[in-house]
């Protein structure tokens, strides 16, 4: 039996069924259309190495070597091999990963045979050991050079016969440990610039230094009163010497024993002990060199403090410009002179 509602609306069930069927057909059509649109996008291949598509080269093999999606999903097999060769740099066992998703590529190497595999392993071992062996050879060369220099220094400073007897009586291990330290100590001592410390001390005590005539002769202090305005070139920021030069320090340190021996033989002939004579000669050489260096840098310091910048007038140009031009050759000097003449003429015309 039909209820009252079913008897009054007999077409309602049919309408709902037709509507559900229509909605299902529409959803199916939409999914089919979406799959049809997505399928060509997934099948489209784009090489991220050579930027070519499948339409450009339909014969080249493709590979999907990592977990990338989208434009970087596919790549030519040949292009990827060439890119991997650049990254491996001759080491076929080096692991390479995708630059985007960091997935390690699965690389299969065909077998070359046992003998070729052994040769390859030997070649890899030689490449790995070569840097260490080269560094060891360089260190050993420096070590034996230091030993030789130390032995020559001992013979030079103490005398040939006495130095030779000292090294013959000494233990071999002591010689191997002590002789290489001689050039090292010379270089370290050369890096200690005691002249800078003395010069800074004397610059900070200039008013007290004037009381001592001997020091005043070595250190040319300025007797001018301090200006009332702030000093544009303060003493505390003056660099008393040039920056450290590796070559100059190295050469000066290695030449110090020879120079000390020569100075000792010239100034201290009466001293029979070669070692004492060499030590005195080295002390005199270092002291005289330091005093001259202090004098020179103090002169530079005073010159920098007393410099002036003049007004750019025709009279100052005629009077000072030619003196301050650096000599760069006769031809360039002639060009500078002609240019200065033109500048002078322009200045005279400008000033009326």
Protein backbone atom coordinates (compact mmCIF):
# COMPACT_ATOMS: atom_id res chain seq x y z
CA UNK A 1 0.00 0.00 0.00
CA UNK A 2 1.04 3.57 -0.66
CA UNK A 3 0.99 6.13 2.04
CA UNK A 4 -0.79 9.40 1.67
CA UNK A 5 2.45 11.26 0.85
CA UNK A 6 3.41 8.73 -1.78
CA UNK A 7 -0.04 8.85 -3.29
CA UNK A 8 -0.09 12.62 -3.34
CA UNK A 9 3.55 12.96 -4.82
CA UNK A 10 4.18 9.88 -6.97
CA UNK A 11 6.98 11.59 -9.03
CA UNK A 12 9.16 12.78 -6.16
CA UNK A 13 11.19 9.53 -6.01
CA UNK A 14 11.76 9.54 -9.71
CA UNK A 15 12.95 13.17 -9.58
CA UNK A 16 15.46 12.47 -6.85
CA UNK A 17 16.81 9.44 -8.73
CA UNK A 18 17.18 11.45 -11.94
CA UNK A 19 18.96 14.26 -10.03
CA UNK A 20 21.38 11.83 -8.37
CA UNK A 21 22.10 10.20 -11.71
CA UNK A 22 22.76 13.60 -13.29
CA UNK A 23 25.09 14.61 -10.46
CA UNK A 24 26.98 11.31 -10.77
CA UNK A 25 27.37 11.75 -14.52
CA UNK A 26 28.61 15.31 -14.04
CA UNK A 27 31.17 14.21 -11.44
CA UNK A 28 32.39 11.40 -13.68
CA UNK A 29 32.71 13.80 -16.63
CA UNK A 30 34.67 16.22 -14.44
CA UNK A 31 37.05 13.49 -13.20
CA UNK A 32 37.60 12.25 -16.75
CA UNK A 33 38.29 15.78 -17.92
CA UNK A 34 40.69 16.37 -15.04
CA UNK A 35 42.48 13.09 -15.75
CA UNK A 36 42.67 13.98 -19.44
CA UNK A 37 44.15 17.38 -18.56
CA UNK A 38 46.58 15.97 -15.96
CA UNK A 39 47.80 13.08 -18.10
CA UNK A 40 49.51 15.22 -20.78
CA UNK A 41 51.11 17.33 -18.04
CA UNK A 42 52.59 14.21 -16.41
CA UNK A 43 53.75 12.83 -19.73
CA UNK A 44 55.44 16.08 -20.74
CA UNK A 45 59.19 15.74 -20.18
CA UNK A 46 61.61 18.59 -19.64
CA UNK A 47 65.40 18.08 -19.15
CA UNK A 48 66.75 20.35 -16.41
CA UNK A 49 70.31 20.03 -17.75
CA UNK A 50 69.97 20.95 -21.42
CA UNK A 51 66.49 22.61 -21.12
CA UNK A 52 65.14 20.48 -23.99
CA UNK A 53 61.70 18.86 -24.19
CA UNK A 54 60.63 15.54 -25.62
CA UNK A 55 59.55 17.25 -28.81
CA UNK A 56 63.12 18.54 -29.39
CA UNK A 57 64.69 15.07 -29.26
CA UNK A 58 62.32 12.11 -29.44
CA UNK A 59 65.11 9.48 -29.61
CA UNK A 60 67.17 10.43 -26.49
CA UNK A 61 66.52 8.14 -23.49
CA UNK A 62 64.97 9.71 -20.38
CA UNK A 63 65.36 8.81 -16.72
CA UNK A 64 63.64 9.79 -13.49
CA UNK A 65 66.58 9.44 -11.02
CA UNK A 66 65.20 11.13 -7.88
CA UNK A 67 62.05 12.12 -5.98
CA UNK A 68 61.59 15.46 -7.73
CA UNK A 69 58.19 16.34 -9.16
CA UNK A 70 57.18 18.76 -11.81
CA UNK A 71 59.66 20.38 -14.20
CA UNK A 72 62.76 18.69 -12.69
CA UNK A 73 61.29 15.18 -12.65
CA UNK A 74 62.79 13.99 -15.94
CA UNK A 75 66.28 14.36 -17.37
CA UNK A 76 68.17 12.98 -20.33
CA UNK A 77 70.32 9.97 -19.50
CA UNK A 78 73.27 11.40 -21.45
CA UNK A 79 72.91 14.86 -19.93
CA UNK A 80 72.79 13.43 -16.40
CA UNK A 81 75.89 11.30 -17.08
CA UNK A 82 77.79 14.36 -18.27
CA UNK A 83 76.69 16.35 -15.22
CA UNK A 84 77.70 13.49 -12.88
CA UNK A 85 81.14 13.29 -14.54
CA UNK A 86 81.71 16.97 -13.76
CA UNK A 87 80.76 16.43 -10.13
CA UNK A 88 82.76 13.24 -9.61
CA UNK A 89 85.97 14.72 -11.10
CA UNK A 90 87.44 11.37 -12.10
CA UNK A 91 86.28 9.40 -9.05
CA UNK A 92 83.55 7.02 -10.26
CA UNK A 93 82.81 5.83 -6.70
CA UNK A 94 81.91 9.27 -5.41
CA UNK A 95 78.22 9.46 -4.49
CA UNK A 96 76.22 12.19 -6.22
CA UNK A 97 72.85 13.53 -5.06
CA UNK A 98 70.15 15.56 -6.72
CA UNK A 99 70.74 19.29 -6.20
CA UNK A 100 67.01 19.85 -5.52
CA UNK A 101 65.68 16.99 -3.37
CA UNK A 102 69.09 15.67 -2.19
CA UNK A 103 68.24 12.13 -3.27
CA UNK A 104 71.33 10.00 -3.91
CA UNK A 105 71.48 8.77 -7.49
CA UNK A 106 71.62 5.02 -8.04
CA UNK A 107 74.65 4.56 -10.33
CA UNK A 108 75.45 1.07 -11.61
CA UNK A 109 79.01 0.51 -12.88
CA UNK A 110 79.59 -2.49 -15.17
CA UNK A 111 82.40 -4.85 -14.30
CA UNK A 112 85.79 -4.23 -15.94
CA UNK A 113 87.45 -7.44 -14.82
CA UNK A 114 89.60 -8.28 -11.82
CA UNK A 115 92.88 -6.95 -13.21
CA UNK A 116 91.39 -3.62 -14.32
CA UNK A 117 89.63 -3.32 -10.95
CA UNK A 118 92.97 -3.85 -9.17
CA UNK A 119 94.65 -1.18 -11.31
CA UNK A 120 91.82 1.22 -10.56
CA UNK A 121 92.15 0.65 -6.80
CA UNK A 122 95.90 1.23 -6.98
CA UNK A 123 95.33 4.44 -8.89
CA UNK A 124 92.84 5.69 -6.29
CA UNK A 125 95.23 4.82 -3.44
CA UNK A 126 98.06 6.69 -5.20
CA UNK A 127 95.87 9.78 -5.61
CA UNK A 128 94.92 9.70 -1.94
CA UNK A 129 98.49 9.25 -0.69
CA UNK A 130 100.17 11.75 -3.02
CA UNK A 131 99.25 14.96 -1.08
CA UNK A 132 100.45 13.51 2.22
CA UNK A 133 103.67 12.21 0.71
CA UNK A 134 104.35 15.56 -0.95
CA UNK A 135 103.75 17.40 2.33
CA UNK A 136 106.04 14.96 4.15
CA UNK A 137 108.78 15.46 1.57
CA UNK A 138 108.52 19.24 1.94
CA UNK A 139 108.65 19.02 5.74
CA UNK A 140 111.63 16.67 5.61
CA UNK A 141 113.43 18.99 3.21
CA UNK A 142 112.83 21.95 5.50
CA UNK A 143 113.94 19.92 8.51
CA UNK A 144 117.22 18.79 6.96
CA UNK A 145 117.84 22.28 5.61
CA UNK A 146 117.35 23.62 9.15
CA UNK A 147 119.80 21.02 10.49
CA UNK A 148 122.37 22.00 7.86
CA UNK A 149 121.92 25.70 8.57
CA UNK A 150 122.22 25.07 12.31
CA UNK A 151 125.44 23.11 11.83
CA UNK A 152 126.91 25.81 9.59
CA UNK A 153 125.95 28.46 12.15
CA UNK A 154 127.67 26.52 14.96
CA UNK A 155 130.84 26.15 12.88
CA UNK A 156 130.73 29.81 11.91
CA UNK A 157 130.17 31.26 15.36
CA UNK A 158 132.38 28.97 17.45
CA UNK A 159 135.14 28.32 14.95
CA UNK A 160 135.51 25.37 12.61
CA UNK A 161 137.69 23.12 14.78
CA UNK A 162 135.91 23.83 18.04
CA UNK A 163 132.44 23.56 16.52
CA UNK A 164 133.32 20.31 14.77
CA UNK A 165 134.62 18.79 18.00
CA UNK A 166 131.51 19.94 19.87
CA UNK A 167 129.21 18.27 17.35
CA UNK A 168 131.30 15.08 17.32
CA UNK A 169 131.12 14.80 21.11
CA UNK A 170 127.41 15.57 21.30
CA UNK A 171 124.70 12.91 21.13
CA UNK A 172 123.12 12.43 17.68
CA UNK A 173 119.62 12.82 19.10
CA UNK A 174 120.60 16.12 20.73
CA UNK A 175 121.99 17.37 17.43
CA UNK A 176 118.84 16.33 15.56
CA UNK A 177 116.71 18.20 18.10
CA UNK A 178 118.86 21.28 18.78
CA UNK A 179 120.31 22.18 15.38
CA UNK A 180 116.92 22.77 13.66
CA UNK A 181 115.88 25.16 16.44
CA UNK A 182 118.70 27.60 15.57
CA UNK A 183 117.02 29.09 12.43
CA UNK A 184 113.64 29.00 14.17
CA UNK A 185 114.97 31.02 17.11
CA UNK A 186 116.67 33.45 14.74
CA UNK A 187 113.40 34.10 12.89
CA UNK A 188 111.46 34.52 16.15
CA UNK A 189 114.10 36.91 17.48
CA UNK A 190 113.96 38.89 14.25
CA UNK A 191 110.21 39.31 14.65
CA UNK A 192 110.68 40.97 18.05
CA UNK A 193 111.05 44.68 17.22
CA UNK A 194 112.47 46.23 20.36
CA UNK A 195 113.08 49.51 18.54
CA UNK A 196 109.34 50.20 18.47
CA UNK A 197 109.07 49.80 22.24
CA UNK A 198 112.01 52.13 22.87
CA UNK A 199 110.72 54.70 20.40
CA UNK A 200 107.26 54.78 21.92
CA UNK A 201 108.76 55.12 25.38
CA UNK A 202 110.97 58.02 24.29
CA UNK A 203 108.11 59.75 22.47
CA UNK A 204 105.99 59.59 25.61
CA UNK A 205 108.90 60.99 27.67
CA UNK A 206 110.08 63.75 25.35
CA UNK A 207 110.19 66.47 28.02
CA UNK A 208 112.32 64.25 30.26
CA UNK A 209 114.57 63.25 27.38
CA UNK A 210 115.71 66.85 26.88
CA UNK A 211 117.52 66.64 30.20
CA UNK A 212 119.87 63.99 28.77
CA UNK A 213 122.03 65.37 25.93
CA UNK A 214 123.18 61.93 24.74
CA UNK A 215 119.64 60.65 24.22
CA UNK A 216 118.63 63.99 22.70
CA UNK A 217 121.29 63.52 20.05
CA UNK A 218 119.98 60.06 19.16
CA UNK A 219 116.31 61.08 19.35
CA UNK A 220 115.56 64.37 17.51
CA UNK A 221 112.75 65.65 19.72
CA UNK A 222 110.87 68.80 18.83
CA UNK A 223 111.32 71.85 21.06
CA UNK A 224 108.23 73.57 19.74
CA UNK A 225 105.43 74.17 22.25
CA UNK A 226 102.31 72.08 21.97
CA UNK A 227 99.57 73.78 19.89
CA UNK A 228 96.40 74.94 21.54
CA UNK A 229 94.21 73.29 18.96
CA UNK A 230 93.83 69.49 18.88
CA UNK A 231 96.80 67.73 17.31
CA UNK A 232 95.68 66.26 13.95
CA UNK A 233 98.47 63.67 13.99
CA UNK A 234 98.71 62.39 17.59
CA UNK A 235 101.82 60.62 18.81
CA UNK A 236 99.88 57.66 20.17
CA UNK A 237 98.71 56.55 16.73
CA UNK A 238 102.01 56.77 14.91
CA UNK A 239 103.29 53.55 13.39
CA UNK A 240 106.97 53.53 14.22
CA UNK A 241 107.88 50.94 11.64
CA UNK A 242 106.59 49.30 8.51
CA UNK A 243 104.39 46.20 8.56
CA UNK A 244 106.12 42.88 8.97
CA UNK A 245 107.58 41.54 5.73
CA UNK A 246 108.01 37.77 5.63
CA UNK A 247 110.87 37.83 3.14
CA UNK A 248 112.70 40.61 4.97
CA UNK A 249 112.36 38.87 8.33
CA UNK A 250 113.50 35.54 6.89
CA UNK A 251 116.53 36.95 5.08
CA UNK A 252 117.54 39.18 8.00
CA UNK A 253 117.30 36.30 10.47
CA UNK A 254 119.38 33.91 8.36
CA UNK A 255 122.04 36.54 7.62
CA UNK A 256 122.44 37.61 11.26
CA UNK A 257 125.08 34.96 12.21
CA UNK A 258 127.23 35.84 9.19
CA UNK A 259 126.95 39.58 9.81
CA UNK A 260 127.70 39.09 13.51
CA UNK A 261 130.83 37.08 12.67
CA UNK A 262 132.09 39.72 10.24
CA UNK A 263 131.42 42.61 12.65
CA UNK A 264 133.06 40.70 15.50
CA UNK A 265 136.20 40.04 13.46
CA UNK A 266 136.41 43.70 12.46
CA UNK A 267 135.74 45.34 15.84
CA UNK A 268 136.95 42.76 18.34
CA UNK A 269 140.15 41.31 16.93
CA UNK A 270 141.76 41.10 20.37
CA UNK A 271 139.19 38.54 21.61
CA UNK A 272 140.47 35.03 20.89
CA UNK A 273 137.22 33.17 21.63
CA UNK A 274 135.27 32.97 18.39
CA UNK A 275 131.90 32.55 20.12
CA UNK A 276 132.40 35.58 22.39
CA UNK A 277 133.62 37.65 19.46
CA UNK A 278 130.59 36.68 17.37
CA UNK A 279 128.16 37.43 20.21
CA UNK A 280 129.70 40.87 20.76
CA UNK A 281 129.61 41.57 17.04
CA UNK A 282 125.93 40.59 16.86
CA UNK A 283 125.07 42.72 19.88
CA UNK A 284 126.83 45.77 18.40
CA UNK A 285 125.18 45.24 15.01
CA UNK A 286 121.68 44.92 16.49
CA UNK A 287 122.20 47.94 18.78
CA UNK A 288 123.56 50.22 16.04
CA UNK A 289 120.85 49.15 13.62
CA UNK A 290 118.17 49.78 16.27
CA UNK A 291 119.51 53.25 17.09
CA UNK A 292 119.58 54.18 13.40
CA UNK A 293 116.08 52.87 12.98
CA UNK A 294 114.84 54.89 15.96
CA UNK A 295 116.51 58.02 14.57
CA UNK A 296 115.03 57.47 11.11
CA UNK A 297 111.47 56.88 12.28
CA UNK A 298 111.58 59.82 14.66
CA UNK A 299 112.67 62.00 11.75
CA UNK A 300 109.74 60.71 9.72
CA UNK A 301 107.47 61.38 12.69
CA UNK A 302 108.64 65.00 12.98
CA UNK A 303 108.33 65.52 9.23
CA UNK A 304 104.75 64.25 9.27
CA UNK A 305 103.84 66.52 12.19
CA UNK A 306 105.34 69.62 10.57
CA UNK A 307 103.82 69.19 7.12
CA UNK A 308 101.47 71.87 5.81
CA UNK A 309 98.99 72.17 3.00
CA UNK A 310 99.18 75.52 1.20
CA UNK A 311 96.56 77.53 -0.64
CA UNK A 312 96.30 76.82 -4.34
CA UNK A 313 97.44 80.17 -5.67
CA UNK A 314 99.52 81.00 -8.77
CA UNK A 315 102.47 81.97 -6.59
CA UNK A 316 102.42 78.66 -4.66
CA UNK A 317 101.98 76.73 -7.91
CA UNK A 318 105.07 78.40 -9.43
CA UNK A 319 107.05 78.00 -6.22
CA UNK A 320 106.26 74.48 -5.01
CA UNK A 321 104.49 72.36 -7.62
CA UNK A 322 107.55 71.51 -9.68
CA UNK A 323 109.41 70.46 -6.55
CA UNK A 324 106.72 68.05 -5.39
CA UNK A 325 106.22 66.31 -8.75
CA UNK A 326 107.73 62.78 -8.70
CA UNK A 327 110.41 62.15 -11.36
CA UNK A 328 108.82 59.74 -13.83
CA UNK A 329 111.08 60.23 -16.84
CA UNK A 330 112.11 63.14 -18.97
CA UNK A 331 109.22 62.82 -21.40
CA UNK A 332 106.60 62.72 -18.68
CA UNK A 333 108.31 65.60 -16.90
CA UNK A 334 108.05 67.68 -20.07
CA UNK A 335 104.36 66.86 -20.36
CA UNK A 336 103.83 67.80 -16.70
CA UNK A 337 105.71 71.05 -17.20
CA UNK A 338 103.59 71.95 -20.21
CA UNK A 339 100.44 71.05 -18.30
CA UNK A 340 101.59 73.21 -15.36
CA UNK A 341 102.23 76.11 -17.74
CA UNK A 342 98.68 75.79 -19.06
CA UNK A 343 97.33 75.64 -15.50
CA UNK A 344 99.30 78.74 -14.57
CA UNK A 345 97.96 80.58 -17.58
CA UNK A 346 94.42 79.59 -16.66
CA UNK A 347 94.98 80.72 -13.09
CA UNK A 348 96.39 84.05 -14.20
CA UNK A 349 93.48 84.57 -16.58
CA UNK A 350 91.03 83.63 -13.89
CA UNK A 351 92.50 85.98 -11.31
CA UNK A 352 92.64 88.86 -13.81
